[in-house]
Amino acid sequence: MHSWIIDAKAFEYDRHYSECKKNNHPFIKARKNMATKNYLVFLDMATCSQKLSEKDQKQLFDIFASTHTSNIEQHCEITSEFCNFDGILPTQLNKFLVQIYEVAKNQ
């Protein structure tokens, strides 16, 4: 099973969510924002019955901040249960997904 799913149809997201829940993995999906051509990444911890500590939340914010470039608008929302990251450059996407997965998985 892949650790995340990118630009899929709704039924593929549902299937991936079920697999994450079955295997006790965090659910991570990424989809392209057609207006900006950058990615919106969503991390959900409900599938693995865990929560992100304050330290993990700060680490996720630091990872997000390190992908920033001055010519795009970025936004993130990070809680103990879910995270939204908007404005991830396509060239940074795979590296970003690997990093947030490692933080979320190492609970």
PDB file of N, CA and C in Angstrom:
ATOM      1  N   MET A   1       0.831  -1.185   0.000  1.00  0.00           N
ATOM      2  CA  MET A   1       0.000   0.000   0.000  1.00  0.00           C
ATOM      3  C   MET A   1       0.877   1.250   0.000  1.00  0.00           C
ATOM      4  N   HIS A   2       0.491   2.233  -0.781  1.00  0.00           N
ATOM      5  CA  HIS A   2       1.206   3.502  -0.795  1.00  0.00           C
ATOM      6  C   HIS A   2       0.917   4.260   0.496  1.00  0.00           C
ATOM      7  N   SER A   3       1.837   5.089   0.899  1.00  0.00           N
ATOM      8  CA  SER A   3       1.684   5.855   2.126  1.00  0.00           C
ATOM      9  C   SER A   3       0.730   7.029   1.954  1.00  0.00           C
ATOM     10  N   TRP A   4       0.476   7.442   0.714  1.00  0.00           N
ATOM     11  CA  TRP A   4      -0.413   8.559   0.427  1.00  0.00           C
ATOM     12  C   TRP A   4      -1.011   8.381  -0.946  1.00  0.00           C
ATOM     13  N   ILE A   5      -1.985   9.230  -1.282  1.00  0.00           N
ATOM     14  CA  ILE A   5      -2.635   9.155  -2.577  1.00  0.00           C
ATOM     15  C   ILE A   5      -2.691  10.569  -3.162  1.00  0.00           C
ATOM     16  N   ILE A   6      -2.407  10.685  -4.455  1.00  0.00           N
ATOM     17  CA  ILE A   6      -2.325  11.987  -5.119  1.00  0.00           C
ATOM     18  C   ILE A   6      -3.297  12.023  -6.296  1.00  0.00           C
ATOM     19  N   ASP A   7      -4.057  13.130  -6.396  1.00  0.00           N
ATOM     20  CA  ASP A   7      -4.939  13.406  -7.538  1.00  0.00           C
ATOM     21  C   ASP A   7      -5.758  12.190  -7.981  1.00  0.00           C
ATOM     22  N   ALA A   8      -6.521  11.618  -7.063  1.00  0.00           N
ATOM     23  CA  ALA A   8      -7.317  10.445  -7.388  1.00  0.00           C
ATOM     24  C   ALA A   8      -8.803  10.800  -7.422  1.00  0.00           C
ATOM     25  N   LYS A   9      -9.596   9.861  -7.881  1.00  0.00           N
ATOM     26  CA  LYS A   9     -11.046  10.018  -7.874  1.00  0.00           C
ATOM     27  C   LYS A   9     -11.566   9.696  -6.474  1.00  0.00           C
ATOM     28  N   ALA A  10     -12.783  10.116  -6.179  1.00  0.00           N
ATOM     29  CA  ALA A  10     -13.355   9.978  -4.837  1.00  0.00           C
ATOM     30  C   ALA A  10     -13.355   8.525  -4.350  1.00  0.00           C
ATOM     31  N   PHE A  11     -13.719   7.565  -5.202  1.00  0.00           N
ATOM     32  CA  PHE A  11     -13.755   6.175  -4.752  1.00  0.00           C
ATOM     33  C   PHE A  11     -12.356   5.663  -4.413  1.00  0.00           C
ATOM     34  N   GLU A  12     -11.320   6.186  -5.097  1.00  0.00           N
ATOM     35  CA  GLU A  12      -9.951   5.790  -4.770  1.00  0.00           C
ATOM     36  C   GLU A  12      -9.549   6.345  -3.413  1.00  0.00           C
ATOM     37  N   TYR A  13      -9.982   7.578  -3.093  1.00  0.00           N
ATOM     38  CA  TYR A  13      -9.729   8.142  -1.769  1.00  0.00           C
ATOM     39  C   TYR A  13     -10.406   7.294  -0.696  1.00  0.00           C
ATOM     40  N   ASP A  14     -11.652   6.884  -0.957  1.00  0.00           N
ATOM     41  CA  ASP A  14     -12.389   6.061   0.009  1.00  0.00           C
ATOM     42  C   ASP A  14     -11.688   4.730   0.248  1.00  0.00           C
ATOM     43  N   ARG A  15     -11.230   4.124  -0.836  1.00  0.00           N
ATOM     44  CA  ARG A  15     -10.529   2.840  -0.709  1.00  0.00           C
ATOM     45  C   ARG A  15      -9.213   3.017   0.059  1.00  0.00           C
ATOM     46  N   HIS A  16      -8.489   4.080  -0.250  1.00  0.00           N
ATOM     47  CA  HIS A  16      -7.230   4.355   0.444  1.00  0.00           C
ATOM     48  C   HIS A  16      -7.483   4.639   1.929  1.00  0.00           C
ATOM     49  N   TYR A  17      -8.539   5.392   2.244  1.00  0.00           N
ATOM     50  CA  TYR A  17      -8.896   5.688   3.636  1.00  0.00           C
ATOM     51  C   TYR A  17      -9.166   4.385   4.395  1.00  0.00           C
ATOM     52  N   SER A  18      -9.923   3.478   3.762  1.00  0.00           N
ATOM     53  CA  SER A  18     -10.227   2.187   4.396  1.00  0.00           C
ATOM     54  C   SER A  18      -8.962   1.371   4.628  1.00  0.00           C
ATOM     55  N   GLU A  19      -8.061   1.368   3.654  1.00  0.00           N
ATOM     56  CA  GLU A  19      -6.793   0.648   3.809  1.00  0.00           C
ATOM     57  C   GLU A  19      -5.945   1.240   4.937  1.00  0.00           C
ATOM     58  N   CYS A  20      -5.914   2.557   5.023  1.00  0.00           N
ATOM     59  CA  CYS A  20      -5.161   3.213   6.102  1.00  0.00           C
ATOM     60  C   CYS A  20      -5.726   2.826   7.459  1.00  0.00           C
ATOM     61  N   LYS A  21      -7.049   2.833   7.551  1.00  0.00           N
ATOM     62  CA  LYS A  21      -7.699   2.477   8.814  1.00  0.00           C
ATOM     63  C   LYS A  21      -7.418   1.015   9.181  1.00  0.00           C
ATOM     64  N   LYS A  22      -7.509   0.146   8.198  1.00  0.00           N
ATOM     65  CA  LYS A  22      -7.254  -1.284   8.413  1.00  0.00           C
ATOM     66  C   LYS A  22      -5.820  -1.531   8.878  1.00  0.00           C
ATOM     67  N   ASN A  23      -4.858  -0.782   8.318  1.00  0.00           N
ATOM     68  CA  ASN A  23      -3.441  -0.985   8.621  1.00  0.00           C
ATOM     69  C   ASN A  23      -2.887  -0.032   9.684  1.00  0.00           C
ATOM     70  N   ASN A  24      -3.772   0.779  10.280  1.00  0.00           N
ATOM     71  CA  ASN A  24      -3.377   1.705  11.340  1.00  0.00           C
ATOM     72  C   ASN A  24      -2.307   2.702  10.870  1.00  0.00           C
ATOM     73  N   HIS A  25      -2.540   3.286   9.673  1.00  0.00           N
ATOM     74  CA  HIS A  25      -1.643   4.289   9.094  1.00  0.00           C
ATOM     75  C   HIS A  25      -2.355   5.634   9.041  1.00  0.00           C
ATOM     76  N   PRO A  26      -1.621   6.735   9.095  1.00  0.00           N
ATOM     77  CA  PRO A  26      -2.259   8.040   8.876  1.00  0.00           C
ATOM     78  C   PRO A  26      -2.720   8.144   7.420  1.00  0.00           C
ATOM     79  N   PHE A  27      -3.834   8.845   7.207  1.00  0.00           N
ATOM     80  CA  PHE A  27      -4.380   9.040   5.869  1.00  0.00           C
ATOM     81  C   PHE A  27      -3.845  10.353   5.315  1.00  0.00           C
ATOM     82  N   ILE A  28      -3.159  10.283   4.180  1.00  0.00           N
ATOM     83  CA  ILE A  28      -2.600  11.475   3.545  1.00  0.00           C
ATOM     84  C   ILE A  28      -3.051  11.504   2.094  1.00  0.00           C
ATOM     85  N   LYS A  29      -3.642  12.626   1.698  1.00  0.00           N
ATOM     86  CA  LYS A  29      -4.018  12.791   0.297  1.00  0.00           C
ATOM     87  C   LYS A  29      -3.530  14.149  -0.182  1.00  0.00           C
ATOM     88  N   ALA A  30      -3.247  14.223  -1.467  1.00  0.00           N
ATOM     89  CA  ALA A  30      -2.808  15.467  -2.093  1.00  0.00           C
ATOM     90  C   ALA A  30      -3.591  15.655  -3.377  1.00  0.00           C
ATOM     91  N   ARG A  31      -4.022  16.880  -3.591  1.00  0.00           N
ATOM     92  CA  ARG A  31      -4.697  17.177  -4.849  1.00  0.00           C
ATOM     93  C   ARG A  31      -4.241  18.529  -5.354  1.00  0.00           C
ATOM     94  N   LYS A  32      -4.203  18.641  -6.662  1.00  0.00           N
ATOM     95  CA  LYS A  32      -3.727  19.864  -7.293  1.00  0.00           C
ATOM     96  C   LYS A  32      -4.808  20.932  -7.239  1.00  0.00           C
ATOM     97  N   ASN A  33      -4.422  22.121  -6.829  1.00  0.00           N
ATOM     98  CA  ASN A  33      -5.289  23.291  -6.885  1.00  0.00           C
ATOM     99  C   ASN A  33      -5.160  23.842  -8.300  1.00  0.00           C
ATOM    100  N   MET A  34      -6.210  23.726  -9.083  1.00  0.00           N
ATOM    101  CA  MET A  34      -6.141  24.105 -10.493  1.00  0.00           C
ATOM    102  C   MET A  34      -5.921  25.609 -10.681  1.00  0.00           C
ATOM    103  N   ALA A  35      -6.293  26.410  -9.704  1.00  0.00           N
ATOM    104  CA  ALA A  35      -6.101  27.857  -9.823  1.00  0.00           C
ATOM    105  C   ALA A  35      -4.631  28.242  -9.697  1.00  0.00           C
ATOM    106  N   THR A  36      -3.922  27.592  -8.766  1.00  0.00           N
ATOM    107  CA  THR A  36      -2.527  27.963  -8.520  1.00  0.00           C
ATOM    108  C   THR A  36      -1.522  26.966  -9.087  1.00  0.00           C
ATOM    109  N   LYS A  37      -2.001  25.769  -9.438  1.00  0.00           N
ATOM    110  CA  LYS A  37      -1.157  24.664  -9.933  1.00  0.00           C
ATOM    111  C   LYS A  37      -0.255  24.082  -8.842  1.00  0.00           C
ATOM    112  N   ASN A  38      -0.484  24.488  -7.602  1.00  0.00           N
ATOM    113  CA  ASN A  38       0.234  23.914  -6.462  1.00  0.00           C
ATOM    114  C   ASN A  38      -0.673  22.892  -5.787  1.00  0.00           C
ATOM    115  N   TYR A  39      -0.157  22.221  -4.767  1.00  0.00           N
ATOM    116  CA  TYR A  39      -0.909  21.136  -4.145  1.00  0.00           C
ATOM    117  C   TYR A  39      -1.459  21.499  -2.776  1.00  0.00           C
ATOM    118  N   LEU A  40      -2.641  20.937  -2.505  1.00  0.00           N
ATOM    119  CA  LEU A  40      -3.270  20.960  -1.195  1.00  0.00           C
ATOM    120  C   LEU A  40      -3.072  19.564  -0.621  1.00  0.00           C
ATOM    121  N   VAL A  41      -2.469  19.479   0.556  1.00  0.00           N
ATOM    122  CA  VAL A  41      -2.191  18.188   1.191  1.00  0.00           C
ATOM    123  C   VAL A  41      -2.986  18.111   2.487  1.00  0.00           C
ATOM    124  N   PHE A  42      -3.639  16.975   2.705  1.00  0.00           N
ATOM    125  CA  PHE A  42      -4.458  16.746   3.879  1.00  0.00           C
ATOM    126  C   PHE A  42      -3.926  15.528   4.622  1.00  0.00           C
ATOM    127  N   LEU A  43      -3.716  15.672   5.924  1.00  0.00           N
ATOM    128  CA  LEU A  43      -3.253  14.584   6.789  1.00  0.00           C
ATOM    129  C   LEU A  43      -4.314  14.352   7.853  1.00  0.00           C
ATOM    130  N   ASP A  44      -4.811  13.123   7.972  1.00  0.00           N
ATOM    131  CA  ASP A  44      -5.843  12.772   8.937  1.00  0.00           C
ATOM    132  C   ASP A  44      -5.314  11.660   9.840  1.00  0.00           C
ATOM    133  N   MET A  45      -5.320  11.908  11.139  1.00  0.00           N
ATOM    134  CA  MET A  45      -4.811  10.917  12.094  1.00  0.00           C
ATOM    135  C   MET A  45      -5.903   9.973  12.601  1.00  0.00           C
ATOM    136  N   ALA A  46      -7.169  10.190  12.223  1.00  0.00           N
ATOM    137  CA  ALA A  46      -8.272   9.355  12.708  1.00  0.00           C
ATOM    138  C   ALA A  46      -8.122   7.899  12.293  1.00  0.00           C
ATOM    139  N   THR A  47      -7.491   7.643  11.177  1.00  0.00           N
ATOM    140  CA  THR A  47      -7.342   6.272  10.692  1.00  0.00           C
ATOM    141  C   THR A  47      -6.367   5.445  11.514  1.00  0.00           C
ATOM    142  N   CYS A  48      -5.547   6.107  12.307  1.00  0.00           N
ATOM    143  CA  CYS A  48      -4.584   5.351  13.111  1.00  0.00           C
ATOM    144  C   CYS A  48      -4.791   5.578  14.609  1.00  0.00           C
ATOM    145  N   SER A  49      -5.915   6.148  14.988  1.00  0.00           N
ATOM    146  CA  SER A  49      -6.287   6.320  16.399  1.00  0.00           C
ATOM    147  C   SER A  49      -5.184   6.982  17.219  1.00  0.00           C
ATOM    148  N   GLN A  50      -4.471   7.895  16.623  1.00  0.00           N
ATOM    149  CA  GLN A  50      -3.409   8.609  17.329  1.00  0.00           C
ATOM    150  C   GLN A  50      -3.596  10.099  17.129  1.00  0.00           C
ATOM    151  N   LYS A  51      -2.930  10.858  17.953  1.00  0.00           N
ATOM    152  CA  LYS A  51      -2.959  12.309  17.832  1.00  0.00           C
ATOM    153  C   LYS A  51      -1.538  12.829  17.767  1.00  0.00           C
ATOM    154  N   LEU A  52      -1.391  13.963  17.121  1.00  0.00           N
ATOM    155  CA  LEU A  52      -0.080  14.591  17.018  1.00  0.00           C
ATOM    156  C   LEU A  52       0.208  15.388  18.280  1.00  0.00           C
ATOM    157  N   SER A  53       1.386  15.200  18.828  1.00  0.00           N
ATOM    158  CA  SER A  53       1.792  15.973  20.003  1.00  0.00           C
ATOM    159  C   SER A  53       2.108  17.400  19.573  1.00  0.00           C
ATOM    160  N   GLU A  54       2.258  18.290  20.538  1.00  0.00           N
ATOM    161  CA  GLU A  54       2.636  19.670  20.212  1.00  0.00           C
ATOM    162  C   GLU A  54       3.998  19.704  19.511  1.00  0.00           C
ATOM    163  N   LYS A  55       4.895  18.836  19.925  1.00  0.00           N
ATOM    164  CA  LYS A  55       6.208  18.753  19.286  1.00  0.00           C
ATOM    165  C   LYS A  55       6.062  18.328  17.822  1.00  0.00           C
ATOM    166  N   ASP A  56       5.216  17.334  17.567  1.00  0.00           N
ATOM    167  CA  ASP A  56       4.977  16.879  16.192  1.00  0.00           C
ATOM    168  C   ASP A  56       4.328  17.980  15.361  1.00  0.00           C
ATOM    169  N   GLN A  57       3.389  18.703  15.947  1.00  0.00           N
ATOM    170  CA  GLN A  57       2.729  19.790  15.236  1.00  0.00           C
ATOM    171  C   GLN A  57       3.736  20.866  14.842  1.00  0.00           C
ATOM    172  N   LYS A  58       4.638  21.192  15.748  1.00  0.00           N
ATOM    173  CA  LYS A  58       5.663  22.186  15.442  1.00  0.00           C
ATOM    174  C   LYS A  58       6.589  21.670  14.342  1.00  0.00           C
ATOM    175  N   GLN A  59       6.937  20.385  14.419  1.00  0.00           N
ATOM    176  CA  GLN A  59       7.807  19.799  13.398  1.00  0.00           C
ATOM    177  C   GLN A  59       7.120  19.838  12.025  1.00  0.00           C
ATOM    178  N   LEU A  60       5.821  19.549  11.978  1.00  0.00           N
ATOM    179  CA  LEU A  60       5.086  19.624  10.716  1.00  0.00           C
ATOM    180  C   LEU A  60       5.050  21.052  10.191  1.00  0.00           C
ATOM    181  N   PHE A  61       4.855  22.018  11.078  1.00  0.00           N
ATOM    182  CA  PHE A  61       4.868  23.415  10.648  1.00  0.00           C
ATOM    183  C   PHE A  61       6.236  23.797  10.088  1.00  0.00           C
ATOM    184  N   ASP A  62       7.297  23.355  10.739  1.00  0.00           N
ATOM    185  CA  ASP A  62       8.649  23.658  10.265  1.00  0.00           C
ATOM    186  C   ASP A  62       8.911  23.040   8.883  1.00  0.00           C
ATOM    187  N   ILE A  63       8.421  21.822   8.680  1.00  0.00           N
ATOM    188  CA  ILE A  63       8.564  21.182   7.369  1.00  0.00           C
ATOM    189  C   ILE A  63       7.805  22.001   6.330  1.00  0.00           C
ATOM    190  N   PHE A  64       6.586  22.393   6.663  1.00  0.00           N
ATOM    191  CA  PHE A  64       5.783  23.211   5.745  1.00  0.00           C
ATOM    192  C   PHE A  64       6.475  24.534   5.445  1.00  0.00           C
ATOM    193  N   ALA A  65       6.972  25.201   6.472  1.00  0.00           N
ATOM    194  CA  ALA A  65       7.630  26.499   6.285  1.00  0.00           C
ATOM    195  C   ALA A  65       8.868  26.384   5.399  1.00  0.00           C
ATOM    196  N   SER A  66       9.540  25.250   5.447  1.00  0.00           N
ATOM    197  CA  SER A  66      10.752  25.078   4.644  1.00  0.00           C
ATOM    198  C   SER A  66      10.452  24.913   3.154  1.00  0.00           C
ATOM    199  N   THR A  67       9.178  24.675   2.794  1.00  0.00           N
ATOM    200  CA  THR A  67       8.817  24.540   1.378  1.00  0.00           C
ATOM    201  C   THR A  67       8.363  25.872   0.790  1.00  0.00           C
ATOM    202  N   HIS A  68       8.371  26.920   1.562  1.00  0.00           N
ATOM    203  CA  HIS A  68       7.846  28.218   1.132  1.00  0.00           C
ATOM    204  C   HIS A  68       8.758  28.900   0.119  1.00  0.00           C
ATOM    205  N   THR A  69       8.138  29.468  -0.888  1.00  0.00           N
ATOM    206  CA  THR A  69       8.839  30.372  -1.789  1.00  0.00           C
ATOM    207  C   THR A  69       8.061  31.668  -1.831  1.00  0.00           C
ATOM    208  N   SER A  70       8.719  32.768  -2.052  1.00  0.00           N
ATOM    209  CA  SER A  70       8.094  34.077  -1.917  1.00  0.00           C
ATOM    210  C   SER A  70       7.057  34.380  -2.993  1.00  0.00           C
ATOM    211  N   ASN A  71       7.036  33.643  -4.093  1.00  0.00           N
ATOM    212  CA  ASN A  71       6.108  33.987  -5.163  1.00  0.00           C
ATOM    213  C   ASN A  71       4.792  33.219  -5.119  1.00  0.00           C
ATOM    214  N   ILE A  72       4.547  32.454  -4.067  1.00  0.00           N
ATOM    215  CA  ILE A  72       3.269  31.768  -3.940  1.00  0.00           C
ATOM    216  C   ILE A  72       2.673  32.009  -2.564  1.00  0.00           C
ATOM    217  N   GLU A  73       1.369  31.898  -2.500  1.00  0.00           N
ATOM    218  CA  GLU A  73       0.689  32.043  -1.218  1.00  0.00           C
ATOM    219  C   GLU A  73       0.529  30.656  -0.604  1.00  0.00           C
ATOM    220  N   GLN A  74       0.906  30.522   0.659  1.00  0.00           N
ATOM    221  CA  GLN A  74       0.768  29.250   1.352  1.00  0.00           C
ATOM    222  C   GLN A  74      -0.069  29.443   2.601  1.00  0.00           C
ATOM    223  N   HIS A  75      -0.717  28.379   3.025  1.00  0.00           N
ATOM    224  CA  HIS A  75      -1.526  28.401   4.225  1.00  0.00           C
ATOM    225  C   HIS A  75      -1.485  27.006   4.833  1.00  0.00           C
ATOM    226  N   CYS A  76      -1.491  26.934   6.159  1.00  0.00           N
ATOM    227  CA  CYS A  76      -1.601  25.631   6.798  1.00  0.00           C
ATOM    228  C   CYS A  76      -2.450  25.737   8.054  1.00  0.00           C
ATOM    229  N   GLU A  77      -3.070  24.632   8.376  1.00  0.00           N
ATOM    230  CA  GLU A  77      -3.834  24.485   9.610  1.00  0.00           C
ATOM    231  C   GLU A  77      -3.396  23.157  10.210  1.00  0.00           C
ATOM    232  N   ILE A  78      -2.891  23.196  11.435  1.00  0.00           N
ATOM    233  CA  ILE A  78      -2.363  21.988  12.065  1.00  0.00           C
ATOM    234  C   ILE A  78      -3.003  21.832  13.439  1.00  0.00           C
ATOM    235  N   THR A  79      -3.633  20.676  13.661  1.00  0.00           N
ATOM    236  CA  THR A  79      -4.171  20.336  14.981  1.00  0.00           C
ATOM    237  C   THR A  79      -3.640  18.950  15.344  1.00  0.00           C
ATOM    238  N   SER A  80      -4.049  18.455  16.487  1.00  0.00           N
ATOM    239  CA  SER A  80      -3.584  17.131  16.915  1.00  0.00           C
ATOM    240  C   SER A  80      -4.224  16.010  16.099  1.00  0.00           C
ATOM    241  N   GLU A  81      -5.342  16.296  15.405  1.00  0.00           N
ATOM    242  CA  GLU A  81      -6.059  15.257  14.685  1.00  0.00           C
ATOM    243  C   GLU A  81      -5.943  15.342  13.168  1.00  0.00           C
ATOM    244  N   PHE A  82      -5.743  16.544  12.633  1.00  0.00           N
ATOM    245  CA  PHE A  82      -5.638  16.680  11.183  1.00  0.00           C
ATOM    246  C   PHE A  82      -4.801  17.901  10.821  1.00  0.00           C
ATOM    247  N   CYS A  83      -4.348  17.909   9.582  1.00  0.00           N
ATOM    248  CA  CYS A  83      -3.560  19.027   9.065  1.00  0.00           C
ATOM    249  C   CYS A  83      -3.946  19.282   7.613  1.00  0.00           C
ATOM    250  N   ASN A  84      -3.996  20.547   7.254  1.00  0.00           N
ATOM    251  CA  ASN A  84      -4.179  20.978   5.865  1.00  0.00           C
ATOM    252  C   ASN A  84      -2.987  21.840   5.499  1.00  0.00           C
ATOM    253  N   PHE A  85      -2.371  21.542   4.395  1.00  0.00           N
ATOM    254  CA  PHE A  85      -1.245  22.326   3.896  1.00  0.00           C
ATOM    255  C   PHE A  85      -1.591  22.761   2.472  1.00  0.00           C
ATOM    256  N   ASP A  86      -1.638  24.043   2.211  1.00  0.00           N
ATOM    257  CA  ASP A  86      -1.988  24.543   0.894  1.00  0.00           C
ATOM    258  C   ASP A  86      -0.821  25.328   0.310  1.00  0.00           C
ATOM    259  N   GLY A  87      -0.518  25.077  -0.955  1.00  0.00           N
ATOM    260  CA  GLY A  87       0.537  25.812  -1.634  1.00  0.00           C
ATOM    261  C   GLY A  87       1.833  25.047  -1.778  1.00  0.00           C
ATOM    262  N   ILE A  88       1.778  23.725  -1.739  1.00  0.00           N
ATOM    263  CA  ILE A  88       2.988  22.916  -1.888  1.00  0.00           C
ATOM    264  C   ILE A  88       3.347  22.859  -3.374  1.00  0.00           C
ATOM    265  N   LEU A  89       4.554  23.257  -3.678  1.00  0.00           N
ATOM    266  CA  LEU A  89       5.016  23.241  -5.070  1.00  0.00           C
ATOM    267  C   LEU A  89       5.092  21.808  -5.595  1.00  0.00           C
ATOM    268  N   PRO A  90       4.731  21.584  -6.848  1.00  0.00           N
ATOM    269  CA  PRO A  90       4.833  20.235  -7.424  1.00  0.00           C
ATOM    270  C   PRO A  90       6.239  19.656  -7.306  1.00  0.00           C
ATOM    271  N   THR A  91       7.262  20.478  -7.412  1.00  0.00           N
ATOM    272  CA  THR A  91       8.639  19.991  -7.303  1.00  0.00           C
ATOM    273  C   THR A  91       8.997  19.590  -5.880  1.00  0.00           C
ATOM    274  N   GLN A  92       8.259  20.080  -4.896  1.00  0.00           N
ATOM    275  CA  GLN A  92       8.515  19.778  -3.489  1.00  0.00           C
ATOM    276  C   GLN A  92       7.586  18.690  -2.938  1.00  0.00           C
ATOM    277  N   LEU A  93       6.569  18.289  -3.717  1.00  0.00           N
ATOM    278  CA  LEU A  93       5.503  17.432  -3.204  1.00  0.00           C
ATOM    279  C   LEU A  93       5.998  16.107  -2.640  1.00  0.00           C
ATOM    280  N   ASN A  94       6.740  15.320  -3.397  1.00  0.00           N
ATOM    281  CA  ASN A  94       7.161  14.001  -2.911  1.00  0.00           C
ATOM    282  C   ASN A  94       8.009  14.103  -1.652  1.00  0.00           C
ATOM    283  N   LYS A  95       8.945  15.023  -1.633  1.00  0.00           N
ATOM    284  CA  LYS A  95       9.784  15.219  -0.439  1.00  0.00           C
ATOM    285  C   LYS A  95       8.916  15.605   0.755  1.00  0.00           C
ATOM    286  N   PHE A  96       7.972  16.503   0.542  1.00  0.00           N
ATOM    287  CA  PHE A  96       7.069  16.952   1.598  1.00  0.00           C
ATOM    288  C   PHE A  96       6.234  15.783   2.133  1.00  0.00           C
ATOM    289  N   LEU A  97       5.673  14.972   1.237  1.00  0.00           N
ATOM    290  CA  LEU A  97       4.852  13.840   1.655  1.00  0.00           C
ATOM    291  C   LEU A  97       5.647  12.829   2.470  1.00  0.00           C
ATOM    292  N   VAL A  98       6.859  12.544   2.052  1.00  0.00           N
ATOM    293  CA  VAL A  98       7.716  11.618   2.805  1.00  0.00           C
ATOM    294  C   VAL A  98       7.962  12.164   4.211  1.00  0.00           C
ATOM    295  N   GLN A  99       8.274  13.442   4.310  1.00  0.00           N
ATOM    296  CA  GLN A  99       8.591  14.035   5.611  1.00  0.00           C
ATOM    297  C   GLN A  99       7.390  14.047   6.545  1.00  0.00           C
ATOM    298  N   ILE A 100       6.209  14.442   6.047  1.00  0.00           N
ATOM    299  CA  ILE A 100       5.057  14.478   6.964  1.00  0.00           C
ATOM    300  C   ILE A 100       4.595  13.072   7.332  1.00  0.00           C
ATOM    301  N   TYR A 101       4.754  12.117   6.416  1.00  0.00           N
ATOM    302  CA  TYR A 101       4.400  10.741   6.739  1.00  0.00           C
ATOM    303  C   TYR A 101       5.284  10.211   7.867  1.00  0.00           C
ATOM    304  N   GLU A 102       6.564  10.484   7.786  1.00  0.00           N
ATOM    305  CA  GLU A 102       7.493  10.020   8.833  1.00  0.00           C
ATOM    306  C   GLU A 102       7.128  10.603  10.199  1.00  0.00           C
ATOM    307  N   VAL A 103       6.775  11.872  10.235  1.00  0.00           N
ATOM    308  CA  VAL A 103       6.379  12.487  11.510  1.00  0.00           C
ATOM    309  C   VAL A 103       5.100  11.849  12.031  1.00  0.00           C
ATOM    310  N   ALA A 104       4.108  11.687  11.154  1.00  0.00           N
ATOM    311  CA  ALA A 104       2.818  11.135  11.564  1.00  0.00           C
ATOM    312  C   ALA A 104       2.913   9.669  11.944  1.00  0.00           C
ATOM    313  N   LYS A 105       3.703   8.914  11.253  1.00  0.00           N
ATOM    314  CA  LYS A 105       3.818   7.476  11.509  1.00  0.00           C
ATOM    315  C   LYS A 105       4.600   7.175  12.783  1.00  0.00           C
ATOM    316  N   ASN A 106       5.538   8.030  13.148  1.00  0.00           N
ATOM    317  CA  ASN A 106       6.394   7.770  14.318  1.00  0.00           C
ATOM    318  C   ASN A 106       5.768   8.261  15.612  1.00  0.00           C
ATOM    319  N   GLN A 107       4.522   7.928  15.820  1.00  0.00           N
ATOM    320  CA  GLN A 107       3.825   8.293  17.069  1.00  0.00           C
ATOM    321  C   GLN A 107       4.129   7.281  18.139  1.00  0.00           C
TER     322      GLN A 107
END
